């Protein structure tokens, strides 16, 4: 189960780094890109708010919760990639 926690931490660290990098560029972004950023920020906040619960659940239902976490993270990652391409 420790591996799932490590993977989760690594994934969250990668997303946080991408988020920080894009945040710097956002000051120069167009309005339409800002709208997409705001949507992603809501998803990020939701994911971060649920991270403690997700971590607890990883111990008992790691496959199911891990898949949900990866899906949410992939949506955010894809959104970051779209934004990066537009900046």
Protein backbone atom coordinates (compact mmCIF):
# COMPACT_ATOMS: atom_id res chain seq x y z
CA UNK A 1 0.00 0.00 0.00
CA UNK A 2 2.97 2.29 0.56
CA UNK A 3 3.58 2.32 -3.18
CA UNK A 4 0.13 3.79 -3.84
CA UNK A 5 0.82 6.56 -1.32
CA UNK A 6 4.18 7.29 -2.94
CA UNK A 7 2.59 7.40 -6.39
CA UNK A 8 -0.12 9.71 -5.08
CA UNK A 9 2.41 12.05 -3.52
CA UNK A 10 4.49 12.09 -6.69
CA UNK A 11 1.42 12.82 -8.80
CA UNK A 12 0.31 15.64 -6.52
CA UNK A 13 3.81 17.13 -6.50
CA UNK A 14 3.93 17.07 -10.30
CA UNK A 15 0.55 18.77 -10.55
CA UNK A 16 1.57 21.38 -7.98
CA UNK A 17 4.73 22.15 -9.95
CA UNK A 18 2.80 22.46 -13.23
CA UNK A 19 0.24 24.65 -11.49
CA UNK A 20 2.93 26.94 -10.08
CA UNK A 21 4.62 27.30 -13.47
CA UNK A 22 1.34 28.15 -15.19
CA UNK A 23 0.33 30.55 -12.45
CA UNK A 24 3.34 32.72 -13.27
CA UNK A 25 2.40 32.77 -16.96
CA UNK A 26 -1.26 33.53 -16.22
CA UNK A 27 -0.54 37.18 -15.54
CA UNK A 28 0.08 37.53 -19.28
CA UNK A 29 -2.73 35.29 -20.46
CA UNK A 30 -5.75 36.19 -22.53
CA UNK A 31 -9.21 36.34 -20.98
CA UNK A 32 -10.40 33.08 -22.56
CA UNK A 33 -7.41 31.27 -21.13
CA UNK A 34 -8.14 32.78 -17.73
CA UNK A 35 -11.65 31.30 -17.84
CA UNK A 36 -10.23 27.83 -18.42
CA UNK A 37 -7.69 28.47 -15.64
CA UNK A 38 -10.50 29.28 -13.21
CA UNK A 39 -12.28 26.04 -14.04
CA UNK A 40 -9.07 24.09 -13.46
CA UNK A 41 -8.48 25.96 -10.20
CA UNK A 42 -11.86 24.76 -8.93
CA UNK A 43 -10.98 21.17 -9.81
CA UNK A 44 -7.55 21.60 -8.17
CA UNK A 45 -9.12 22.98 -4.99
CA UNK A 46 -11.59 20.09 -4.91
CA UNK A 47 -8.82 17.53 -5.43
CA UNK A 48 -6.61 19.10 -2.74
CA UNK A 49 -9.52 19.37 -0.30
CA UNK A 50 -10.23 15.67 -0.74
CA UNK A 51 -6.62 14.52 -0.63
CA UNK A 52 -6.64 13.62 3.10
CA UNK A 53 -9.73 11.46 2.60
CA UNK A 54 -8.22 9.94 -0.52
CA UNK A 55 -5.05 9.07 1.36
CA UNK A 56 -7.05 7.36 4.11
CA UNK A 57 -9.06 5.39 1.58
CA UNK A 58 -5.94 4.32 -0.30
CA UNK A 59 -5.13 1.95 2.51
CA UNK A 60 -8.41 0.08 2.24
CA UNK A 61 -9.54 0.55 -1.34
CA UNK A 62 -6.42 1.66 -3.14
CA UNK A 63 -7.32 0.46 -6.63
CA UNK A 64 -10.74 2.10 -6.77
CA UNK A 65 -9.77 5.38 -5.12
CA UNK A 66 -6.44 5.47 -6.91
CA UNK A 67 -8.23 5.19 -10.24
CA UNK A 68 -10.52 8.07 -9.29
CA UNK A 69 -7.55 10.16 -8.22
CA UNK A 70 -5.68 9.41 -11.42
CA UNK A 71 -8.73 10.32 -13.50
CA UNK A 72 -9.17 13.66 -11.72
CA UNK A 73 -5.45 14.36 -11.95
CA UNK A 74 -5.40 13.48 -15.65
CA UNK A 75 -8.24 15.92 -16.32
CA UNK A 76 -6.27 18.65 -14.59
CA UNK A 77 -3.03 17.62 -16.35
CA UNK A 78 -4.77 17.73 -19.76
CA UNK A 79 -6.18 21.15 -18.93
CA UNK A 80 -2.72 22.40 -17.96
CA UNK A 81 -1.35 21.05 -21.24
CA UNK A 82 -4.07 22.89 -23.19
CA UNK A 83 -3.25 26.10 -21.36
CA UNK A 84 0.48 25.67 -21.88
CA UNK A 85 -0.16 25.27 -25.60
CA UNK A 86 -2.17 28.49 -25.68
CA UNK A 87 0.38 30.62 -23.81
